[in-house]
């Protein structure tokens, strides 16, 4: 989108479904939110706009989606959501219960 300066759900690779297919993802359902005009440090603004839009909000809150990806480039924002054919979440390592800061102290 940013390279072509065009806000669209379709790119030269096709729509979201075609892009998921191209990556070999065996998906059942998918959704995409896109936005333009919010600066890099205005993540709150773009999320507020999406949450105030019924269709975008439905994508964000859809409990069927098991996979998520997001991106930002030159005021263009995107969120991609998908459910694999089995409806299972991806095999993602569990987050640790304690994180360390750069100085080694627990947070």
PDB file of N, CA and C in Angstrom:
ATOM      1  N   UNK A   1       0.829  -1.183   0.000  1.00  0.00           N
ATOM      2  CA  UNK A   1       0.000   0.000   0.000  1.00  0.00           C
ATOM      3  C   UNK A   1       0.873   1.246   0.000  1.00  0.00           C
ATOM      4  N   UNK A   2       1.838   1.301   0.930  1.00  0.00           N
ATOM      5  CA  UNK A   2       2.651   2.504   1.045  1.00  0.00           C
ATOM      6  C   UNK A   2       3.454   2.752  -0.230  1.00  0.00           C
ATOM      7  N   UNK A   3       4.003   1.702  -0.820  1.00  0.00           N
ATOM      8  CA  UNK A   3       4.806   1.861  -2.035  1.00  0.00           C
ATOM      9  C   UNK A   3       3.978   2.444  -3.174  1.00  0.00           C
ATOM     10  N   UNK A   4       2.719   2.043  -3.258  1.00  0.00           N
ATOM     11  CA  UNK A   4       1.828   2.531  -4.318  1.00  0.00           C
ATOM     12  C   UNK A   4       0.989   3.720  -3.890  1.00  0.00           C
ATOM     13  N   UNK A   5       1.103   4.111  -2.606  1.00  0.00           N
ATOM     14  CA  UNK A   5       0.299   5.202  -2.041  1.00  0.00           C
ATOM     15  C   UNK A   5      -1.182   5.003  -2.345  1.00  0.00           C
ATOM     16  N   UNK A   6      -1.654   3.773  -2.089  1.00  0.00           N
ATOM     17  CA  UNK A   6      -3.025   3.403  -2.409  1.00  0.00           C
ATOM     18  C   UNK A   6      -3.588   2.555  -1.274  1.00  0.00           C
ATOM     19  N   UNK A   7      -4.622   3.045  -0.617  1.00  0.00           N
ATOM     20  CA  UNK A   7      -5.261   2.316   0.477  1.00  0.00           C
ATOM     21  C   UNK A   7      -6.221   1.290  -0.115  1.00  0.00           C
ATOM     22  N   UNK A   8      -5.831   0.021  -0.078  1.00  0.00           N
ATOM     23  CA  UNK A   8      -6.643  -1.026  -0.689  1.00  0.00           C
ATOM     24  C   UNK A   8      -6.386  -2.364  -0.006  1.00  0.00           C
ATOM     25  N   UNK A   9      -7.386  -3.224  -0.043  1.00  0.00           N
ATOM     26  CA  UNK A   9      -7.226  -4.574   0.495  1.00  0.00           C
ATOM     27  C   UNK A   9      -6.554  -5.498  -0.515  1.00  0.00           C
ATOM     28  N   UNK A  10      -6.429  -5.061  -1.751  1.00  0.00           N
ATOM     29  CA  UNK A  10      -5.792  -5.865  -2.797  1.00  0.00           C
ATOM     30  C   UNK A  10      -4.441  -5.266  -3.151  1.00  0.00           C
ATOM     31  N   UNK A  11      -3.432  -6.117  -3.289  1.00  0.00           N
ATOM     32  CA  UNK A  11      -2.138  -5.665  -3.771  1.00  0.00           C
ATOM     33  C   UNK A  11      -1.777  -6.513  -4.989  1.00  0.00           C
ATOM     34  N   UNK A  12      -0.593  -6.345  -5.564  1.00  0.00           N
ATOM     35  CA  UNK A  12      -0.258  -7.151  -6.746  1.00  0.00           C
ATOM     36  C   UNK A  12      -0.372  -8.665  -6.520  1.00  0.00           C
ATOM     37  N   UNK A  13      -0.291  -9.113  -5.271  1.00  0.00           N
ATOM     38  CA  UNK A  13      -0.437 -10.540  -4.966  1.00  0.00           C
ATOM     39  C   UNK A  13      -1.896 -10.953  -4.811  1.00  0.00           C
ATOM     40  N   UNK A  14      -2.814  -9.995  -4.808  1.00  0.00           N
ATOM     41  CA  UNK A  14      -4.235 -10.298  -4.658  1.00  0.00           C
ATOM     42  C   UNK A  14      -4.780  -9.845  -3.323  1.00  0.00           C
ATOM     43  N   UNK A  15      -5.964 -10.344  -2.982  1.00  0.00           N
ATOM     44  CA  UNK A  15      -6.592  -9.989  -1.713  1.00  0.00           C
ATOM     45  C   UNK A  15      -5.968 -10.809  -0.577  1.00  0.00           C
ATOM     46  N   UNK A  16      -6.453 -10.607   0.637  1.00  0.00           N
ATOM     47  CA  UNK A  16      -5.887 -11.295   1.798  1.00  0.00           C
ATOM     48  C   UNK A  16      -5.919 -12.809   1.624  1.00  0.00           C
ATOM     49  N   UNK A  17      -7.010 -13.347   1.130  1.00  0.00           N
ATOM     50  CA  UNK A  17      -7.107 -14.790   0.929  1.00  0.00           C
ATOM     51  C   UNK A  17      -6.032 -15.317  -0.007  1.00  0.00           C
ATOM     52  N   UNK A  18      -5.803 -14.610  -1.104  1.00  0.00           N
ATOM     53  CA  UNK A  18      -4.757 -15.018  -2.054  1.00  0.00           C
ATOM     54  C   UNK A  18      -3.375 -14.931  -1.407  1.00  0.00           C
ATOM     55  N   UNK A  19      -3.156 -13.888  -0.603  1.00  0.00           N
ATOM     56  CA  UNK A  19      -1.854 -13.752   0.058  1.00  0.00           C
ATOM     57  C   UNK A  19      -1.640 -14.868   1.074  1.00  0.00           C
ATOM     58  N   UNK A  20      -2.685 -15.244   1.807  1.00  0.00           N
ATOM     59  CA  UNK A  20      -2.567 -16.364   2.750  1.00  0.00           C
ATOM     60  C   UNK A  20      -2.292 -17.666   2.003  1.00  0.00           C
ATOM     61  N   UNK A  21      -3.001 -17.886   0.903  1.00  0.00           N
ATOM     62  CA  UNK A  21      -2.767 -19.078   0.081  1.00  0.00           C
ATOM     63  C   UNK A  21      -1.322 -19.122  -0.412  1.00  0.00           C
ATOM     64  N   UNK A  22      -0.831 -17.979  -0.879  1.00  0.00           N
ATOM     65  CA  UNK A  22       0.528 -17.895  -1.415  1.00  0.00           C
ATOM     66  C   UNK A  22       1.566 -18.270  -0.351  1.00  0.00           C
ATOM     67  N   UNK A  23       1.268 -17.970   0.903  1.00  0.00           N
ATOM     68  CA  UNK A  23       2.179 -18.306   2.001  1.00  0.00           C
ATOM     69  C   UNK A  23       2.002 -19.740   2.488  1.00  0.00           C
ATOM     70  N   UNK A  24       1.051 -20.462   1.908  1.00  0.00           N
ATOM     71  CA  UNK A  24       0.836 -21.853   2.295  1.00  0.00           C
ATOM     72  C   UNK A  24       0.022 -22.021   3.561  1.00  0.00           C
ATOM     73  N   UNK A  25      -0.697 -20.975   3.962  1.00  0.00           N
ATOM     74  CA  UNK A  25      -1.514 -21.049   5.173  1.00  0.00           C
ATOM     75  C   UNK A  25      -2.871 -21.643   4.815  1.00  0.00           C
ATOM     76  N   UNK A  26      -3.242 -22.725   5.482  1.00  0.00           N
ATOM     77  CA  UNK A  26      -4.505 -23.416   5.225  1.00  0.00           C
ATOM     78  C   UNK A  26      -5.582 -22.776   6.102  1.00  0.00           C
ATOM     79  N   UNK A  27      -6.239 -21.759   5.578  1.00  0.00           N
ATOM     80  CA  UNK A  27      -7.141 -20.929   6.379  1.00  0.00           C
ATOM     81  C   UNK A  27      -8.607 -21.254   6.116  1.00  0.00           C
ATOM     82  N   UNK A  28      -9.420 -20.910   7.118  1.00  0.00           N
ATOM     83  CA  UNK A  28     -10.862 -21.109   7.046  1.00  0.00           C
ATOM     84  C   UNK A  28     -11.586 -19.773   6.925  1.00  0.00           C
ATOM     85  N   UNK A  29     -11.186 -18.807   7.731  1.00  0.00           N
ATOM     86  CA  UNK A  29     -11.767 -17.467   7.651  1.00  0.00           C
ATOM     87  C   UNK A  29     -10.659 -16.452   7.898  1.00  0.00           C
ATOM     88  N   UNK A  30     -10.852 -15.239   7.374  1.00  0.00           N
ATOM     89  CA  UNK A  30      -9.824 -14.210   7.505  1.00  0.00           C
ATOM     90  C   UNK A  30     -10.460 -12.832   7.428  1.00  0.00           C
ATOM     91  N   UNK A  31      -9.788 -11.857   7.995  1.00  0.00           N
ATOM     92  CA  UNK A  31     -10.241 -10.477   7.952  1.00  0.00           C
ATOM     93  C   UNK A  31      -9.048  -9.546   7.956  1.00  0.00           C
ATOM     94  N   UNK A  32      -9.274  -8.328   7.499  1.00  0.00           N
ATOM     95  CA  UNK A  32      -8.187  -7.361   7.418  1.00  0.00           C
ATOM     96  C   UNK A  32      -8.721  -5.971   7.732  1.00  0.00           C
ATOM     97  N   UNK A  33      -7.984  -5.244   8.547  1.00  0.00           N
ATOM     98  CA  UNK A  33      -8.257  -3.833   8.806  1.00  0.00           C
ATOM     99  C   UNK A  33      -7.112  -3.031   8.211  1.00  0.00           C
ATOM    100  N   UNK A  34      -7.431  -1.964   7.495  1.00  0.00           N
ATOM    101  CA  UNK A  34      -6.405  -1.074   6.967  1.00  0.00           C
ATOM    102  C   UNK A  34      -6.774   0.364   7.313  1.00  0.00           C
ATOM    103  N   UNK A  35      -5.759   1.204   7.407  1.00  0.00           N
ATOM    104  CA  UNK A  35      -5.977   2.619   7.708  1.00  0.00           C
ATOM    105  C   UNK A  35      -4.824   3.425   7.120  1.00  0.00           C
ATOM    106  N   UNK A  36      -5.066   4.722   6.932  1.00  0.00           N
ATOM    107  CA  UNK A  36      -4.033   5.621   6.432  1.00  0.00           C
ATOM    108  C   UNK A  36      -4.195   6.964   7.131  1.00  0.00           C
ATOM    109  N   UNK A  37      -3.083   7.639   7.325  1.00  0.00           N
ATOM    110  CA  UNK A  37      -3.136   8.999   7.822  1.00  0.00           C
ATOM    111  C   UNK A  37      -2.784   9.162   9.285  1.00  0.00           C
ATOM    112  N   UNK A  38      -2.524   8.080   9.972  1.00  0.00           N
ATOM    113  CA  UNK A  38      -2.114   8.154  11.367  1.00  0.00           C
ATOM    114  C   UNK A  38      -0.602   8.020  11.422  1.00  0.00           C
ATOM    115  N   UNK A  39       0.046   8.888  12.165  1.00  0.00           N
ATOM    116  CA  UNK A  39       1.499   8.840  12.265  1.00  0.00           C
ATOM    117  C   UNK A  39       1.947   7.616  13.059  1.00  0.00           C
ATOM    118  N   UNK A  40       3.238   7.305  12.962  1.00  0.00           N
ATOM    119  CA  UNK A  40       3.795   6.108  13.599  1.00  0.00           C
ATOM    120  C   UNK A  40       3.519   6.059  15.099  1.00  0.00           C
ATOM    121  N   UNK A  41       3.584   7.190  15.762  1.00  0.00           N
ATOM    122  CA  UNK A  41       3.390   7.200  17.212  1.00  0.00           C
ATOM    123  C   UNK A  41       1.927   7.369  17.608  1.00  0.00           C
ATOM    124  N   UNK A  42       1.002   7.241  16.665  1.00  0.00           N
ATOM    125  CA  UNK A  42      -0.427   7.394  16.966  1.00  0.00           C
ATOM    126  C   UNK A  42      -1.163   6.056  16.902  1.00  0.00           C
ATOM    127  N   UNK A  43      -0.573   5.034  17.528  1.00  0.00           N
ATOM    128  CA  UNK A  43      -1.230   3.730  17.565  1.00  0.00           C
ATOM    129  C   UNK A  43      -2.553   3.801  18.309  1.00  0.00           C
ATOM    130  N   UNK A  44      -2.649   4.653  19.310  1.00  0.00           N
ATOM    131  CA  UNK A  44      -3.905   4.812  20.044  1.00  0.00           C
ATOM    132  C   UNK A  44      -4.974   5.393  19.120  1.00  0.00           C
ATOM    133  N   UNK A  45      -4.603   6.362  18.301  1.00  0.00           N
ATOM    134  CA  UNK A  45      -5.560   6.980  17.384  1.00  0.00           C
ATOM    135  C   UNK A  45      -6.107   6.007  16.356  1.00  0.00           C
ATOM    136  N   UNK A  46      -5.236   5.209  15.751  1.00  0.00           N
ATOM    137  CA  UNK A  46      -5.707   4.261  14.742  1.00  0.00           C
ATOM    138  C   UNK A  46      -6.551   3.170  15.390  1.00  0.00           C
ATOM    139  N   UNK A  47      -6.170   2.712  16.577  1.00  0.00           N
ATOM    140  CA  UNK A  47      -6.987   1.705  17.264  1.00  0.00           C
ATOM    141  C   UNK A  47      -8.343   2.278  17.659  1.00  0.00           C
ATOM    142  N   UNK A  48      -8.362   3.526  18.093  1.00  0.00           N
ATOM    143  CA  UNK A  48      -9.634   4.166  18.446  1.00  0.00           C
ATOM    144  C   UNK A  48     -10.541   4.244  17.212  1.00  0.00           C
ATOM    145  N   UNK A  49      -9.964   4.614  16.076  1.00  0.00           N
ATOM    146  CA  UNK A  49     -10.755   4.693  14.841  1.00  0.00           C
ATOM    147  C   UNK A  49     -11.303   3.322  14.460  1.00  0.00           C
ATOM    148  N   UNK A  50     -10.471   2.286  14.528  1.00  0.00           N
ATOM    149  CA  UNK A  50     -10.948   0.938  14.197  1.00  0.00           C
ATOM    150  C   UNK A  50     -12.023   0.472  15.171  1.00  0.00           C
ATOM    151  N   UNK A  51     -11.833   0.740  16.451  1.00  0.00           N
ATOM    152  CA  UNK A  51     -12.814   0.290  17.447  1.00  0.00           C
ATOM    153  C   UNK A  51     -14.134   1.051  17.331  1.00  0.00           C
ATOM    154  N   UNK A  52     -14.113   2.257  16.757  1.00  0.00           N
ATOM    155  CA  UNK A  52     -15.346   3.023  16.547  1.00  0.00           C
ATOM    156  C   UNK A  52     -16.047   2.666  15.238  1.00  0.00           C
ATOM    157  N   UNK A  53     -15.477   1.763  14.473  1.00  0.00           N
ATOM    158  CA  UNK A  53     -16.067   1.307  13.215  1.00  0.00           C
ATOM    159  C   UNK A  53     -16.586  -0.115  13.414  1.00  0.00           C
ATOM    160  N   UNK A  54     -17.892  -0.348  13.247  1.00  0.00           N
ATOM    161  CA  UNK A  54     -18.447  -1.679  13.535  1.00  0.00           C
ATOM    162  C   UNK A  54     -17.740  -2.831  12.816  1.00  0.00           C
ATOM    163  N   UNK A  55     -17.421  -2.676  11.548  1.00  0.00           N
ATOM    164  CA  UNK A  55     -16.767  -3.756  10.813  1.00  0.00           C
ATOM    165  C   UNK A  55     -15.356  -4.036  11.293  1.00  0.00           C
ATOM    166  N   UNK A  56     -14.590  -2.973  11.522  1.00  0.00           N
ATOM    167  CA  UNK A  56     -13.219  -3.140  12.011  1.00  0.00           C
ATOM    168  C   UNK A  56     -13.221  -3.710  13.428  1.00  0.00           C
ATOM    169  N   UNK A  57     -14.123  -3.194  14.249  1.00  0.00           N
ATOM    170  CA  UNK A  57     -14.242  -3.693  15.623  1.00  0.00           C
ATOM    171  C   UNK A  57     -14.579  -5.188  15.625  1.00  0.00           C
ATOM    172  N   UNK A  58     -15.466  -5.609  14.727  1.00  0.00           N
ATOM    173  CA  UNK A  58     -15.838  -7.026  14.646  1.00  0.00           C
ATOM    174  C   UNK A  58     -14.622  -7.889  14.324  1.00  0.00           C
ATOM    175  N   UNK A  59     -13.748  -7.429  13.432  1.00  0.00           N
ATOM    176  CA  UNK A  59     -12.525  -8.182  13.151  1.00  0.00           C
ATOM    177  C   UNK A  59     -11.660  -8.308  14.398  1.00  0.00           C
ATOM    178  N   UNK A  60     -11.460  -7.207  15.102  1.00  0.00           N
ATOM    179  CA  UNK A  60     -10.594  -7.198  16.280  1.00  0.00           C
ATOM    180  C   UNK A  60     -11.126  -8.118  17.367  1.00  0.00           C
ATOM    181  N   UNK A  61     -12.431  -8.127  17.565  1.00  0.00           N
ATOM    182  CA  UNK A  61     -13.022  -8.891  18.669  1.00  0.00           C
ATOM    183  C   UNK A  61     -13.475 -10.297  18.274  1.00  0.00           C
ATOM    184  N   UNK A  62     -13.283 -10.692  17.038  1.00  0.00           N
ATOM    185  CA  UNK A  62     -13.730 -12.002  16.566  1.00  0.00           C
ATOM    186  C   UNK A  62     -12.923 -13.111  17.243  1.00  0.00           C
ATOM    187  N   UNK A  63     -13.572 -13.874  18.090  1.00  0.00           N
ATOM    188  CA  UNK A  63     -12.878 -14.912  18.860  1.00  0.00           C
ATOM    189  C   UNK A  63     -12.516 -16.133  18.018  1.00  0.00           C
ATOM    190  N   UNK A  64     -12.998 -16.233  16.790  1.00  0.00           N
ATOM    191  CA  UNK A  64     -12.634 -17.359  15.922  1.00  0.00           C
ATOM    192  C   UNK A  64     -11.217 -17.229  15.385  1.00  0.00           C
ATOM    193  N   UNK A  65     -10.729 -16.009  15.281  1.00  0.00           N
ATOM    194  CA  UNK A  65      -9.401 -15.816  14.704  1.00  0.00           C
ATOM    195  C   UNK A  65      -8.331 -16.337  15.655  1.00  0.00           C
ATOM    196  N   UNK A  66      -7.440 -17.154  15.122  1.00  0.00           N
ATOM    197  CA  UNK A  66      -6.371 -17.764  15.911  1.00  0.00           C
ATOM    198  C   UNK A  66      -5.002 -17.214  15.541  1.00  0.00           C
ATOM    199  N   UNK A  67      -4.922 -16.425  14.479  1.00  0.00           N
ATOM    200  CA  UNK A  67      -3.655 -15.874  14.012  1.00  0.00           C
ATOM    201  C   UNK A  67      -3.829 -14.378  13.759  1.00  0.00           C
ATOM    202  N   UNK A  68      -2.762 -13.628  14.019  1.00  0.00           N
ATOM    203  CA  UNK A  68      -2.816 -12.177  13.895  1.00  0.00           C
ATOM    204  C   UNK A  68      -1.475 -11.658  13.397  1.00  0.00           C
ATOM    205  N   UNK A  69      -1.521 -10.656  12.541  1.00  0.00           N
ATOM    206  CA  UNK A  69      -0.321  -9.949  12.110  1.00  0.00           C
ATOM    207  C   UNK A  69      -0.659  -8.486  11.918  1.00  0.00           C
ATOM    208  N   UNK A  70       0.326  -7.619  12.112  1.00  0.00           N
ATOM    209  CA  UNK A  70       0.099  -6.182  11.972  1.00  0.00           C
ATOM    210  C   UNK A  70       1.329  -5.536  11.346  1.00  0.00           C
ATOM    211  N   UNK A  71       1.105  -4.399  10.701  1.00  0.00           N
ATOM    212  CA  UNK A  71       2.218  -3.677  10.112  1.00  0.00           C
ATOM    213  C   UNK A  71       1.924  -2.195   9.982  1.00  0.00           C
ATOM    214  N   UNK A  72       3.005  -1.413   9.869  1.00  0.00           N
ATOM    215  CA  UNK A  72       2.922   0.028   9.695  1.00  0.00           C
ATOM    216  C   UNK A  72       4.038   0.465   8.748  1.00  0.00           C
ATOM    217  N   UNK A  73       3.709   1.347   7.797  1.00  0.00           N
ATOM    218  CA  UNK A  73       4.708   1.929   6.905  1.00  0.00           C
ATOM    219  C   UNK A  73       4.163   3.238   6.364  1.00  0.00           C
ATOM    220  N   UNK A  74       4.880   4.330   6.626  1.00  0.00           N
ATOM    221  CA  UNK A  74       4.551   5.639   6.037  1.00  0.00           C
ATOM    222  C   UNK A  74       3.080   6.026   6.182  1.00  0.00           C
ATOM    223  N   UNK A  75       2.547   5.984   7.331  1.00  0.00           N
ATOM    224  CA  UNK A  75       1.161   6.320   7.708  1.00  0.00           C
ATOM    225  C   UNK A  75       0.133   5.293   7.251  1.00  0.00           C
ATOM    226  N   UNK A  76       0.552   4.158   6.713  1.00  0.00           N
ATOM    227  CA  UNK A  76      -0.355   3.066   6.346  1.00  0.00           C
ATOM    228  C   UNK A  76      -0.283   1.992   7.426  1.00  0.00           C
ATOM    229  N   UNK A  77      -1.437   1.574   7.896  1.00  0.00           N
ATOM    230  CA  UNK A  77      -1.546   0.582   8.966  1.00  0.00           C
ATOM    231  C   UNK A  77      -2.349  -0.611   8.471  1.00  0.00           C
ATOM    232  N   UNK A  78      -1.994  -1.790   8.934  1.00  0.00           N
ATOM    233  CA  UNK A  78      -2.777  -2.975   8.596  1.00  0.00           C
ATOM    234  C   UNK A  78      -2.803  -3.959   9.759  1.00  0.00           C
ATOM    235  N   UNK A  79      -3.909  -4.632   9.883  1.00  0.00           N
ATOM    236  CA  UNK A  79      -4.071  -5.764  10.799  1.00  0.00           C
ATOM    237  C   UNK A  79      -4.647  -6.908   9.973  1.00  0.00           C
ATOM    238  N   UNK A  80      -4.068  -8.090  10.103  1.00  0.00           N
ATOM    239  CA  UNK A  80      -4.588  -9.278   9.428  1.00  0.00           C
ATOM    240  C   UNK A  80      -4.961 -10.314  10.473  1.00  0.00           C
ATOM    241  N   UNK A  81      -6.104 -10.923  10.276  1.00  0.00           N
ATOM    242  CA  UNK A  81      -6.642 -11.921  11.199  1.00  0.00           C
ATOM    243  C   UNK A  81      -6.980 -13.169  10.398  1.00  0.00           C
ATOM    244  N   UNK A  82      -6.765 -14.341  10.989  1.00  0.00           N
ATOM    245  CA  UNK A  82      -7.128 -15.572  10.281  1.00  0.00           C
ATOM    246  C   UNK A  82      -7.396 -16.700  11.262  1.00  0.00           C
ATOM    247  N   UNK A  83      -8.175 -17.638  10.792  1.00  0.00           N
ATOM    248  CA  UNK A  83      -8.439 -18.882  11.513  1.00  0.00           C
ATOM    249  C   UNK A  83      -7.977 -20.005  10.602  1.00  0.00           C
ATOM    250  N   UNK A  84      -7.170 -20.934  11.147  1.00  0.00           N
ATOM    251  CA  UNK A  84      -6.770 -22.057  10.301  1.00  0.00           C
ATOM    252  C   UNK A  84      -7.934 -23.027  10.152  1.00  0.00           C
ATOM    253  N   UNK A  85      -7.827 -23.954   9.216  1.00  0.00           N
ATOM    254  CA  UNK A  85      -8.948 -24.841   8.909  1.00  0.00           C
ATOM    255  C   UNK A  85      -9.365 -25.693  10.093  1.00  0.00           C
ATOM    256  N   UNK A  86      -8.457 -25.934  11.009  1.00  0.00           N
ATOM    257  CA  UNK A  86      -8.783 -26.741  12.184  1.00  0.00           C
ATOM    258  C   UNK A  86      -9.274 -25.900  13.355  1.00  0.00           C
ATOM    259  N   UNK A  87      -9.188 -24.577  13.224  1.00  0.00           N
ATOM    260  CA  UNK A  87      -9.627 -23.692  14.296  1.00  0.00           C
ATOM    261  C   UNK A  87      -8.720 -23.715  15.505  1.00  0.00           C
ATOM    262  N   UNK A  88      -7.510 -24.232  15.328  1.00  0.00           N
ATOM    263  CA  UNK A  88      -6.582 -24.327  16.452  1.00  0.00           C
ATOM    264  C   UNK A  88      -5.677 -23.105  16.488  1.00  0.00           C
ATOM    265  N   UNK A  89      -5.285 -22.674  17.670  1.00  0.00           N
ATOM    266  CA  UNK A  89      -4.316 -21.585  17.753  1.00  0.00           C
ATOM    267  C   UNK A  89      -2.945 -22.085  17.309  1.00  0.00           C
ATOM    268  N   UNK A  90      -2.067 -21.174  16.901  1.00  0.00           N
ATOM    269  CA  UNK A  90      -0.730 -21.585  16.500  1.00  0.00           C
ATOM    270  C   UNK A  90       0.058 -22.107  17.694  1.00  0.00           C
ATOM    271  N   UNK A  91       1.101 -22.854  17.426  1.00  0.00           N
ATOM    272  CA  UNK A  91       1.972 -23.353  18.481  1.00  0.00           C
ATOM    273  C   UNK A  91       2.953 -22.248  18.842  1.00  0.00           C
ATOM    274  N   UNK A  92       2.591 -21.456  19.820  1.00  0.00           N
ATOM    275  CA  UNK A  92       3.394 -20.312  20.236  1.00  0.00           C
ATOM    276  C   UNK A  92       3.913 -20.577  21.639  1.00  0.00           C
ATOM    277  N   UNK A  93       5.212 -20.333  21.870  1.00  0.00           N
ATOM    278  CA  UNK A  93       5.733 -20.538  23.226  1.00  0.00           C
ATOM    279  C   UNK A  93       5.015 -19.652  24.231  1.00  0.00           C
ATOM    280  N   UNK A  94       4.842 -20.159  25.430  1.00  0.00           N
ATOM    281  CA  UNK A  94       4.209 -19.375  26.490  1.00  0.00           C
ATOM    282  C   UNK A  94       5.129 -18.240  26.906  1.00  0.00           C
ATOM    283  N   UNK A  95       4.539 -17.124  27.254  1.00  0.00           N
ATOM    284  CA  UNK A  95       5.315 -15.990  27.740  1.00  0.00           C
ATOM    285  C   UNK A  95       5.835 -16.305  29.136  1.00  0.00           C
ATOM    286  N   UNK A  96       7.041 -15.868  29.439  1.00  0.00           N
ATOM    287  CA  UNK A  96       7.549 -16.090  30.800  1.00  0.00           C
ATOM    288  C   UNK A  96       6.740 -15.278  31.796  1.00  0.00           C
ATOM    289  N   UNK A  97       6.705 -15.738  33.026  1.00  0.00           N
ATOM    290  CA  UNK A  97       5.958 -15.015  34.052  1.00  0.00           C
ATOM    291  C   UNK A  97       6.733 -13.816  34.562  1.00  0.00           C
ATOM    292  N   UNK A  98       8.043 -13.809  34.385  1.00  0.00           N
ATOM    293  CA  UNK A  98       8.852 -12.680  34.823  1.00  0.00           C
ATOM    294  C   UNK A  98       9.723 -12.245  33.668  1.00  0.00           C
ATOM    295  N   UNK A  99       9.809 -10.938  33.442  1.00  0.00           N
ATOM    296  CA  UNK A  99      10.696 -10.424  32.408  1.00  0.00           C
ATOM    297  C   UNK A  99      11.832  -9.676  33.068  1.00  0.00           C
ATOM    298  N   UNK A 100      12.936  -9.596  32.397  1.00  0.00           N
ATOM    299  CA  UNK A 100      14.111  -8.885  32.904  1.00  0.00           C
ATOM    300  C   UNK A 100      14.291  -7.602  32.109  1.00  0.00           C
ATOM    301  N   UNK A 101      14.614  -6.536  32.805  1.00  0.00           N
ATOM    302  CA  UNK A 101      14.935  -5.285  32.134  1.00  0.00           C
ATOM    303  C   UNK A 101      16.390  -5.345  31.684  1.00  0.00           C
ATOM    304  N   UNK A 102      16.851  -4.337  30.979  1.00  0.00           N
ATOM    305  CA  UNK A 102      18.226  -4.327  30.485  1.00  0.00           C
ATOM    306  C   UNK A 102      19.248  -4.417  31.610  1.00  0.00           C
ATOM    307  N   UNK A 103      18.905  -3.891  32.792  1.00  0.00           N
ATOM    308  CA  UNK A 103      19.857  -3.957  33.900  1.00  0.00           C
ATOM    309  C   UNK A 103      19.762  -5.268  34.671  1.00  0.00           C
ATOM    310  N   UNK A 104      18.892  -6.190  34.213  1.00  0.00           N
ATOM    311  CA  UNK A 104      18.794  -7.509  34.825  1.00  0.00           C
ATOM    312  C   UNK A 104      17.793  -7.612  35.958  1.00  0.00           C
ATOM    313  N   UNK A 105      17.161  -6.521  36.328  1.00  0.00           N
ATOM    314  CA  UNK A 105      16.185  -6.552  37.423  1.00  0.00           C
ATOM    315  C   UNK A 105      14.844  -7.048  36.906  1.00  0.00           C
ATOM    316  N   UNK A 106      14.115  -7.770  37.731  1.00  0.00           N
ATOM    317  CA  UNK A 106      12.770  -8.218  37.360  1.00  0.00           C
ATOM    318  C   UNK A 106      11.804  -7.058  37.318  1.00  0.00           C
ATOM    319  N   UNK A 107      10.793  -7.187  36.492  1.00  0.00           N
ATOM    320  CA  UNK A 107       9.790  -6.123  36.393  1.00  0.00           C
ATOM    321  C   UNK A 107       8.464  -6.602  36.912  1.00  0.00           C
TER     322      UNK A 107
END
